[in-house]
Protein backbone atom coordinates (compact mmCIF):
# COMPACT_ATOMS: atom_id res chain seq x y z
CA MET A 1 100.27 95.09 106.83
CA ALA A 2 101.55 91.90 108.91
CA ALA A 3 99.05 89.01 108.54
CA PRO A 4 98.02 86.96 111.17
CA ALA A 5 99.93 83.62 111.73
CA TRP A 6 96.95 81.37 111.00
CA LEU A 7 96.95 82.90 107.51
CA SER A 8 100.54 82.93 106.61
CA SER A 9 101.04 79.42 107.99
CA MET A 10 98.37 77.76 105.76
CA PRO A 11 99.75 75.75 103.10
CA ARG A 12 101.16 77.33 100.18
CA PRO A 13 98.51 77.40 97.00
CA ALA A 14 99.26 76.29 93.89
CA LEU A 15 97.19 78.87 92.49
CA MET A 16 95.23 81.80 93.55
CA ALA A 17 93.02 84.36 91.61
CA ILE A 18 92.16 87.90 92.21
CA GLY A 19 89.73 90.41 90.36
CA ASP A 20 86.20 90.26 89.46
CA SER A 21 83.15 88.32 88.08
CA PHE A 22 84.73 86.82 85.06
CA LEU A 23 87.16 84.73 87.52
CA ASN A 24 84.73 84.32 90.50
CA GLY A 25 82.66 82.27 88.12
CA MET A 26 79.43 84.28 87.82
CA ARG A 27 76.93 83.05 85.37
CA SER A 28 73.60 84.54 84.46
CA TYR A 29 73.71 87.37 87.54
CA THR A 30 74.52 84.15 89.73
CA ILE A 31 77.25 82.83 91.88
CA GLN A 32 77.11 79.89 93.99
CA THR A 33 79.08 76.50 94.91
CA ALA A 34 78.47 74.72 91.71
CA LEU A 35 78.99 77.72 89.40
CA ALA A 36 82.55 78.76 91.74
CA ALA A 37 83.45 75.18 90.67
CA ALA A 38 83.31 75.86 87.16
CA SER A 39 85.02 79.02 87.05
CA ILE A 40 88.45 79.63 85.20
CA PRO A 41 90.73 79.30 88.19
CA ALA A 42 88.88 76.04 89.34
CA ARG A 43 89.17 74.69 85.78
CA VAL A 44 92.97 75.77 85.75
CA GLY A 45 93.61 74.54 88.92
CA ASP A 46 92.29 70.97 88.15
CA ALA A 47 94.51 71.09 85.05
CA LEU A 48 97.73 71.67 87.58
CA ASP A 49 100.07 68.89 88.07
CA ASP A 50 100.97 68.27 91.55
CA MET A 51 103.96 70.00 93.12
CA PRO A 52 105.75 69.16 96.39
CA GLY A 53 105.20 71.98 98.71
CA PHE A 54 101.84 73.42 97.48
CA ALA A 55 98.19 72.52 98.15
CA ARG A 56 96.02 71.81 95.11
CA PHE A 57 93.45 74.80 94.15
CA ALA A 58 90.28 74.52 96.52
CA PRO A 59 87.30 76.12 94.69
CA SER A 60 85.17 78.31 96.81
CA THR A 61 81.96 77.24 98.44
CA TYR A 62 79.07 78.87 99.27
CA PRO A 63 75.94 77.74 101.86
CA ARG A 64 73.62 79.73 99.52
CA PRO A 65 73.58 81.88 96.40
CA VAL A 66 74.57 85.53 96.77
CA LEU A 67 70.91 87.21 96.89
CA ILE A 68 69.67 85.25 93.99
CA ASP A 69 69.93 82.23 91.65
CA VAL A 70 68.64 83.94 88.63
CA GLU A 71 68.53 80.79 86.40
CA ALA A 72 66.62 78.68 88.85
CA THR A 73 64.16 81.59 89.88
CA LEU A 74 63.28 82.05 86.17
CA ARG A 75 62.66 78.42 85.86
CA ALA A 76 60.31 78.32 88.73
CA SER A 77 58.56 81.67 87.71
CA THR A 78 57.68 81.16 84.03
CA HIS A 79 55.95 78.49 82.00
CA SER A 80 54.99 80.27 78.77
CA ILE A 81 57.01 79.94 75.50
CA PHE A 82 55.33 83.04 74.29
CA PRO A 83 57.58 86.42 75.16
CA PRO A 84 55.01 88.67 76.41
CA ILE A 85 53.20 86.20 78.47
CA ALA A 86 56.47 84.71 79.90
CA LEU A 87 57.30 88.37 80.72
CA GLY A 88 54.23 88.70 82.74
CA GLU A 89 54.47 85.70 84.43
CA LEU A 90 57.76 86.86 85.78
CA TYR A 91 56.54 90.15 86.89
CA GLY A 92 53.74 88.42 88.83
CA HIS A 93 56.18 86.59 90.75
CA LEU A 94 58.25 89.83 91.49
CA ASP A 95 57.00 90.55 95.18
CA GLU A 96 57.93 86.65 95.94
CA ILE A 97 61.24 87.34 94.25
CA LYS A 98 61.88 90.12 96.39
CA ALA A 99 60.99 88.73 99.35
CA ALA A 100 63.21 85.42 98.72
CA VAL A 101 66.26 88.19 98.10
CA ALA A 102 65.42 89.77 101.37
CA VAL A 103 65.61 86.51 103.34
CA ASN A 104 68.87 85.50 101.61
CA ALA A 105 70.53 88.91 102.69
CA ARG A 106 69.50 88.53 105.98
CA ASP A 107 70.80 84.98 106.09
CA TRP A 108 74.14 86.27 105.03
CA PHE A 109 74.38 88.92 107.75
CA HIS A 110 73.42 86.39 110.51
CA ASP A 111 76.34 84.08 109.15
CA PHE A 112 78.90 87.15 109.31
CA GLU A 113 77.66 87.53 113.12
CA LYS A 114 78.31 84.18 114.24
CA PRO A 115 81.44 83.21 116.47
CA GLN A 116 84.55 81.90 114.62
CA ASP A 117 84.17 78.65 113.22
CA SER A 118 87.24 76.45 113.61
CA SER A 119 85.95 73.90 111.52
CA ALA A 120 85.26 75.74 108.38
CA ARG A 121 87.95 76.43 105.83
CA PRO A 122 89.77 79.76 106.85
CA ALA A 123 90.59 81.19 103.65
CA PHE A 124 89.96 80.38 100.03
CA ASP A 125 92.08 80.54 97.13
CA ASN A 126 90.03 82.42 94.69
CA LEU A 127 89.69 85.95 96.00
CA ALA A 128 87.70 87.12 92.41
CA ILE A 129 84.82 89.07 93.56
CA ALA A 130 82.16 89.91 91.24
CA GLY A 131 81.52 93.66 90.50
CA ALA A 132 84.99 94.38 92.09
CA ARG A 133 86.89 97.44 90.97
CA ILE A 134 90.63 98.55 91.64
CA GLU A 135 89.52 99.85 94.85
CA ASP A 136 87.88 96.72 96.20
CA VAL A 137 91.11 94.65 95.35
CA PHE A 138 93.91 97.02 96.28
CA ASN A 139 92.44 99.38 98.82
CA ILE A 140 89.30 98.11 100.76
CA THR A 141 90.70 96.63 104.11
CA HIS A 142 88.57 94.01 106.13
CA ARG A 143 87.54 96.51 108.38
CA GLN A 144 86.06 98.83 105.90
CA LEU A 145 84.40 95.66 104.45
CA ASP A 146 83.09 95.33 107.86
CA ALA A 147 81.54 98.86 107.91
CA ARG A 148 79.78 98.28 104.71
CA ILE A 149 78.10 95.26 106.12
CA THR A 150 77.02 96.75 108.98
CA ALA A 151 75.52 99.79 107.18
CA MET A 152 73.97 97.68 104.83
CA SER A 153 72.58 94.89 107.07
CA ALA A 154 70.82 97.74 109.01
CA VAL A 155 68.98 98.97 105.88
CA ALA A 156 68.01 95.10 104.72
CA ARG A 157 66.62 94.25 108.14
CA GLN A 158 64.29 97.45 108.16
CA SER A 159 63.05 97.03 104.44
CA THR A 160 61.92 93.94 102.74
CA ASP A 161 62.20 95.58 99.28
CA PRO A 162 65.71 94.89 97.67
CA LEU A 163 65.03 97.60 95.00
CA ALA A 164 64.71 100.04 97.66
CA TRP A 165 67.92 99.18 99.34
CA SER A 166 70.15 102.39 99.61
CA GLY A 167 72.42 104.54 101.89
CA PRO A 168 75.54 106.49 102.21
CA TRP A 169 78.73 104.62 102.04
CA PRO A 170 80.41 104.40 105.69
CA SER A 171 83.00 107.21 106.77
CA GLY A 172 86.38 106.87 105.03
CA ASP A 173 85.09 104.40 102.60
CA PRO A 174 86.95 104.90 99.22
CA TYR A 175 83.67 105.37 97.53
CA ALA A 176 81.44 108.32 97.29
CA GLY A 177 77.76 108.80 96.91
CA SER A 178 75.20 106.05 98.00
CA TRP A 179 75.16 102.30 97.54
CA GLY A 180 72.49 100.00 96.44
CA MET A 181 71.57 96.45 95.93
CA GLY A 182 74.18 95.59 93.60
CA ASP A 183 76.58 97.13 95.85
CA MET A 184 75.15 94.90 98.84
CA HIS A 185 75.72 91.71 96.37
CA ILE A 186 79.33 92.88 96.02
CA ALA A 187 79.85 93.37 99.92
CA ILE A 188 78.19 89.97 100.70
CA ASN A 189 80.31 88.21 98.24
CA SER A 190 83.22 89.86 99.24
CA ARG A 191 83.20 89.30 103.12
CA HIS A 192 82.32 85.68 102.54
CA LEU A 193 85.39 84.98 100.32
CA ARG A 194 87.59 86.98 102.42
CA ASN A 195 86.82 85.74 105.58
CA PRO A 196 84.58 82.64 105.40
CA ALA A 197 85.18 81.39 109.03
CA ASN A 198 84.89 84.88 110.49
CA ARG A 199 88.69 84.58 111.72
CA ASN A 200 90.17 87.52 113.42
CA GLY A 201 93.57 89.44 112.50
CA LEU A 202 92.37 90.46 108.98
CA ASP A 203 91.03 93.95 110.00
CA ASP A 204 94.07 96.10 108.02
CA LEU A 205 94.34 93.63 104.95
CA THR A 206 93.41 94.04 101.61
CA VAL A 207 92.74 91.20 99.23
CA VAL A 208 96.64 91.76 97.68
CA ASP A 209 97.48 91.63 101.28
CA MET A 210 96.05 88.02 101.64
CA VAL A 211 97.74 87.10 98.71
CA ALA A 212 100.97 88.18 99.86
CA ALA A 213 100.70 86.32 103.00
CA ARG A 214 99.48 83.08 101.21
CA ARG A 215 102.29 83.33 98.28
CA PRO A 216 100.63 80.97 95.68
CA ARG A 217 102.86 79.76 93.20
CA ALA A 218 100.70 80.93 90.15
CA LEU A 219 98.22 83.90 90.26
CA ILE A 220 95.53 84.86 87.59
CA VAL A 221 94.28 88.38 87.59
CA ASN A 222 91.50 90.09 85.65
CA LEU A 223 90.35 93.83 86.44
CA GLY A 224 88.89 96.47 84.42
CA PRO A 225 85.43 95.52 83.29
CA ASN A 226 83.58 97.26 86.03
CA HIS A 227 85.22 100.14 85.63
CA GLY A 228 83.04 100.80 82.18
CA ILE A 229 82.07 97.63 79.97
CA VAL A 230 78.69 97.62 81.52
CA ASP A 231 78.00 101.23 80.62
CA VAL A 232 79.07 100.44 77.17
CA VAL A 233 77.00 97.21 76.35
CA MET A 234 73.86 97.55 78.80
CA ARG A 235 73.24 101.51 79.21
CA TYR A 236 74.18 102.83 75.84
CA ALA A 237 76.66 105.27 77.63
CA GLY A 238 79.64 104.24 75.15
CA ASN A 239 81.72 107.52 75.85
CA ALA A 240 81.28 107.44 79.54
CA GLY A 241 82.07 103.83 79.82
CA MET A 242 85.09 104.16 77.83
CA THR A 243 86.14 107.25 79.61
CA GLY A 244 85.79 105.08 82.75
CA LEU A 245 87.99 102.12 81.09
CA GLU A 246 90.57 104.78 80.20
CA ALA A 247 90.59 105.87 83.70
CA PHE A 248 91.08 102.52 84.96
CA ALA A 249 94.31 102.16 82.53
CA ASP A 250 95.62 105.54 84.03
CA ALA A 251 95.62 103.62 87.41
CA TRP A 252 96.79 100.44 86.54
CA PRO A 253 100.53 101.03 86.52
CA ALA A 254 100.73 102.04 90.21
CA CYS A 255 98.75 98.67 90.80
CA VAL A 256 100.45 96.54 88.66
CA ARG A 257 103.74 97.40 90.35
CA GLU A 258 102.19 96.51 93.73
CA LEU A 259 101.37 93.00 91.91
CA ALA A 260 104.99 92.55 90.63
CA ARG A 261 106.25 92.97 94.30
CA LEU A 262 104.22 89.93 95.70
CA PRO A 263 106.52 87.46 97.04
CA SER A 264 107.49 84.02 95.50
CA ILE A 265 105.01 83.72 92.85
CA ASP A 266 106.42 81.76 89.63
CA ILE A 267 104.05 83.17 87.17
CA THR A 268 101.11 85.87 87.07
CA VAL A 269 98.62 85.59 84.06
CA VAL A 270 96.64 88.82 83.28
CA LEU A 271 93.59 88.66 81.40
CA LEU A 272 93.05 91.67 78.82
CA MET A 273 89.45 92.84 78.14
CA PRO A 274 87.01 91.77 75.11
CA LEU A 275 86.12 94.49 72.75
CA PRO A 276 82.53 95.72 73.01
CA SER A 277 81.42 94.25 69.58
CA GLN A 278 82.33 90.71 70.65
CA VAL A 279 80.10 90.68 73.85
CA PRO A 280 77.08 88.86 73.18
CA CYS A 281 75.04 91.68 74.92
CA MET A 282 75.79 93.79 71.74
CA ALA A 283 73.76 92.71 68.93
CA PRO A 284 71.54 93.66 66.17
CA PRO A 285 68.01 94.43 66.92
CA ARG A 286 65.42 91.71 67.35
CA GLY A 287 64.56 90.55 63.66
CA ASP A 288 67.75 91.16 62.39
CA ILE A 289 69.87 89.02 65.09
CA HIS A 290 70.69 86.30 62.83
CA ASP A 291 71.61 88.19 59.74
CA PRO A 292 75.63 88.15 58.78
CA ALA A 293 77.30 91.35 59.70
CA PRO A 294 77.73 93.25 56.65
CA GLY A 295 79.69 96.42 55.72
CA PRO A 296 83.18 97.74 56.40
CA GLY A 297 84.93 95.95 59.24
CA ASN A 298 82.12 93.33 59.48
CA LYS A 299 79.95 95.47 61.67
CA PHE A 300 76.13 95.27 61.76
CA PRO A 301 74.53 98.68 60.81
CA PHE A 302 72.94 99.00 64.39
CA TYR A 303 73.73 97.69 67.72
CA VAL A 304 71.71 97.41 70.60
CA SER A 305 71.74 96.00 74.03
CA ALA A 306 69.97 92.30 74.04
CA MET A 307 68.89 92.93 77.59
CA SER A 308 67.95 96.58 76.83
CA PRO A 309 67.08 98.95 79.82
CA ILE A 310 64.30 100.79 77.69
CA TYR A 311 62.39 100.02 74.71
CA VAL A 312 63.13 103.14 72.66
CA ASN A 313 65.44 103.66 69.76
CA GLN A 314 68.98 103.83 71.41
CA GLY A 315 71.86 102.08 70.33
CA TYR A 316 75.36 102.26 68.23
CA SER A 317 76.16 102.84 64.56
CA SER A 318 78.56 100.48 63.16
CA ALA A 319 81.07 103.64 63.06
CA GLU A 320 80.25 104.27 66.63
CA MET A 321 80.94 100.36 67.42
CA ALA A 322 84.30 100.56 65.35
CA GLN A 323 85.37 103.67 67.35
CA LEU A 324 84.63 101.94 70.90
CA ASP A 325 86.16 98.82 69.54
CA ALA A 326 89.21 100.85 68.92
CA ARG A 327 89.42 102.63 72.20
CA MET A 328 89.25 99.16 74.15
CA GLN A 329 92.01 98.20 71.99
CA GLU A 330 94.18 101.16 73.26
CA VAL A 331 93.36 100.58 76.95
CA ASN A 332 94.31 96.80 76.34
CA ARG A 333 97.75 97.89 74.75
CA ARG A 334 98.24 100.54 77.68
CA VAL A 335 97.13 97.97 80.40
CA ARG A 336 99.78 95.43 78.48
CA GLU A 337 102.77 97.50 78.21
CA ALA A 338 102.51 98.81 82.16
CA THR A 339 102.22 95.08 83.17
CA GLN A 340 105.00 94.09 81.11
CA GLN A 341 107.35 97.05 82.38
CA ALA A 342 106.54 96.64 85.88
CA PHE A 343 107.23 92.61 85.88
CA ASP A 344 110.26 93.06 83.92
CA ALA A 345 111.79 95.59 86.44
CA ARG A 346 111.20 93.17 89.02
CA GLY A 347 112.46 90.10 86.96
CA ARG A 348 109.30 88.24 87.29
CA ALA A 349 107.42 86.43 84.87
CA VAL A 350 104.19 87.54 83.59
CA ALA A 351 101.65 86.12 80.51
CA PHE A 352 98.67 87.69 79.24
CA VAL A 353 95.39 86.25 77.89
CA ASN A 354 94.05 89.06 75.32
CA LEU A 355 90.45 88.14 75.52
CA ALA A 356 89.96 90.43 72.39
CA GLU A 357 92.27 87.90 70.38
CA SER A 358 90.96 84.86 71.84
CA LEU A 359 87.41 85.45 71.54
CA GLY A 360 87.97 87.23 68.05
CA GLN A 361 89.14 83.83 66.72
CA TYR A 362 85.46 82.52 67.09
CA ASP A 363 83.70 85.81 66.62
CA TYR A 364 80.71 83.95 64.58
CA LYS A 365 78.45 86.90 65.38
CA HIS A 366 80.64 89.12 62.76
CA ARG A 367 81.72 86.04 60.70
CA LYS A 368 85.03 86.25 61.59
CA GLY A 369 85.50 83.00 62.79
CA PRO A 370 83.69 79.48 63.22
CA LYS A 371 81.46 78.34 65.90
CA LEU A 372 82.62 76.46 69.17
CA GLN A 373 82.30 72.84 68.60
CA VAL A 374 82.18 70.67 71.10
CA PRO A 375 84.25 67.58 70.05
CA GLY A 376 82.68 64.30 69.21
CA THR A 377 79.18 66.01 69.07
CA GLN A 378 76.99 68.16 66.76
CA ARG A 379 76.52 70.60 69.18
CA SER A 380 78.03 74.40 68.82
CA TYR A 381 77.88 77.58 70.47
CA ASP A 382 78.79 81.21 69.61
CA ASN A 383 78.62 84.79 70.65
CA TYR A 384 75.33 85.69 69.91
CA PRO A 385 72.94 86.44 72.74
CA LEU A 386 71.67 83.22 74.23
CA GLY A 387 68.24 82.59 72.97
CA PRO A 388 66.02 80.08 70.76
CA PHE A 389 67.09 79.70 67.04
CA ALA A 390 65.46 76.37 66.30
CA THR A 391 63.35 73.91 67.90
CA ASP A 392 66.56 71.65 68.39
CA ARG A 393 69.07 73.91 69.47
CA LEU A 394 70.17 77.43 70.84
CA ALA A 395 71.79 80.55 69.37
CA GLY A 396 74.70 81.79 71.33
CA GLY A 397 75.77 79.90 74.29
CA PHE A 398 78.98 81.27 74.90
CA CYS A 399 77.37 83.35 77.66
CA GLY A 400 74.33 82.69 80.09
CA LEU A 401 71.44 84.39 80.57
CA ASP A 402 72.80 87.67 81.10
CA HIS A 403 74.76 87.78 77.76
CA ILE A 404 77.92 88.94 79.60
CA HIS A 405 79.19 86.09 82.08
CA PRO A 406 80.03 83.10 80.10
CA SER A 407 78.53 79.64 80.30
CA ALA A 408 80.46 76.76 81.73
CA LEU A 409 81.55 76.02 77.79
CA GLY A 410 82.90 79.93 77.70
CA TYR A 411 84.75 79.45 81.13
CA ARG A 412 86.14 76.13 79.86
CA TYR A 413 87.54 77.92 76.55
CA VAL A 414 89.12 81.02 78.28
CA ALA A 415 90.50 78.74 81.22
CA GLU A 416 92.40 76.62 78.50
CA ALA A 417 93.71 79.77 77.17
CA VAL A 418 94.88 80.65 80.40
CA ARG A 419 96.58 77.05 81.00
CA LEU A 420 98.43 77.28 77.90
CA GLU A 421 100.04 80.43 79.25
CA LEU A 422 101.48 78.46 82.10
CA PRO A 423 104.52 76.40 82.04
CA MET A 424 104.02 73.01 80.66
CA THR A 425 105.80 71.63 83.51
CA MET A 426 102.89 73.43 85.90
CA ALA A 427 99.90 72.28 83.70
CA SER A 428 100.20 69.64 81.43
CA ARG A 429 96.57 68.63 81.32
CA PRO A 430 94.21 69.95 78.71
CA ILE A 431 90.84 71.42 79.78
CA PRO A 432 88.35 69.86 77.37
CA LEU A 433 85.77 72.04 75.79
CA LEU A 434 82.69 70.19 76.98
CA ASP A 435 78.86 71.53 77.54
CA ASN A 436 77.93 68.68 79.72
CA ASP A 437 78.20 70.35 83.02
CA ASP A 438 75.75 73.33 82.07
CA ASP A 439 72.40 72.39 82.47
CA PHE A 440 70.97 75.48 80.57
CA LEU A 441 72.95 74.47 77.54
CA THR A 442 72.08 70.97 77.64
CA HIS A 443 68.51 71.39 78.71
CA PRO A 444 67.44 75.06 77.73
CA HIS A 445 64.23 76.13 79.16
CA ARG A 446 62.03 77.67 76.77
CA PRO A 447 59.90 79.97 78.97
CA THR A 448 63.41 81.53 79.98
CA LEU A 449 64.33 81.90 76.48
CA ALA A 450 61.15 83.81 76.01
CA VAL A 451 61.50 86.37 78.48
CA LEU A 452 65.23 87.06 76.89
CA SER A 453 63.23 87.51 73.53
CA ALA A 454 61.20 89.82 75.15
CA LEU A 455 63.84 91.97 76.40
CA HIS A 456 65.67 92.04 73.20
CA PRO A 457 64.25 95.41 71.71
CA PHE A 458 63.04 95.52 67.99
CA PRO A 459 64.24 97.96 65.50
CA ALA A 460 62.67 101.52 65.71
CA THR A 461 59.09 101.64 64.40
CA GLY A 462 59.54 104.86 62.54
CA ALA A 463 62.30 107.27 61.37
CA GLY A 464 64.04 107.52 64.62
CA MET A 465 60.75 107.33 66.54
CA PRO A 466 60.57 104.69 69.29
CA GLY A 467 58.27 101.70 69.53
CA PRO A 468 55.47 101.47 71.59
CA PRO A 469 55.75 101.51 75.49
CA ASP A 470 55.07 98.34 77.26
CA PRO A 471 54.36 98.51 81.11
CA THR A 472 55.19 95.16 81.96
CA ARG A 473 58.48 95.19 80.37
CA ARG A 474 59.24 98.32 82.13
CA GLN A 475 58.65 96.67 85.44
CA ALA A 476 61.12 93.77 84.47
CA ASP A 477 63.72 96.30 83.27
CA LEU A 478 63.34 97.77 86.68
CA LEU A 479 64.42 94.54 88.29
CA LEU A 480 67.25 93.93 86.03
CA HIS A 481 68.69 97.20 85.49
CA ARG A 482 68.30 99.49 88.71
CA PRO A 483 71.28 101.53 89.20
CA GLY A 484 73.60 99.63 91.32
CA TRP A 485 72.35 96.18 90.16
CA LEU A 486 75.51 96.13 88.11
CA ARG A 487 78.54 98.60 88.09
């Protein structure tokens, strides 16, 4: 599709990114300006050497968080360091939290209805969208996105309960069934990133079309996790999640051929996915959390979600986890092979960051590697779920409160791996491994950690029997795990 002149005539960016939350910069289910500035593309952009004819990478900015700032909300809503009490405090603020989310959504919809803003930045360099799947990057046009916004805004303006937001997808939309609150988050974020100034002329363009119009020197790509990783590590739907990821691998060759045809890009860096066992969300039950992983293959006897949607005895055995890891390795192999073939056929440069390998070097949870040490300090972090370990330090820390999206330190680690795949003449400045730009790592909020502890399930109380029900816990689970909140 032909891009409008205002888009194609913008200065060529040194770097762009497409994909999902991992490149968007989401942390603890939150995306806002400060987190976008700490994203992988932003860190890599800072490390790029100036090149005549290319504009430096400009991080995305947000007038407000998209729907909710989870870390700030937890700090304001919880005060006790005792897990059941802290969880009860959170539930006591549930109506207030839902009302704030509803106001936030309506503010976004109001912004999208404003006239064109000639003073605002017309386009962002980072088009990675939290929650995105293949369709959101390669198929959804701006016109279809606006149809989603129209349908969703009508619902949000009629109901002040975000947990009840739902409706059918607009006619002609690639998705079937109905959408929920999580899909609204994706739509709002996508609409803002793709057209922050409400410019005209984008109706028929996809995300990939916008990259083609802007012709960056380098492109970072991360897609796949939203096709099934959340199902595996949070919903105990291991087979269904891996089947979705295998379907992603089936669809990827056609998509990557389109990427290989993008004009004037010197190098594309593609990220491959981590193994399910490496994700901090997958952990042994509470009480066994810091035991070294014994047994064949350095696996724990039993894995649960550290933010489990239910209190009963569900999870994976060590053999089941090993099988899930093996299936993910095969998905990564297929994605890499298809990508290399597509770029070789076009004579284009492509590089890879295999997160399963990069994270495997520091898989302290399974004692396969050391902790990540912040140079010049005694502070170190690992891939356990974030939580209290002792009075003076944290467990985990590679990821934020959701145990899936990296902390600022985790993003720095991956950004350096990406930088090392670029030509030295393009990015010669190392990205230091620091933690001083992540307030939760440097100033942990103990009541929030208490909430995380309350959401981490205990082992079964009997032979295959579930633990006792907890109505307060169940209400918090509805907020965190309602279908549609995460794909």
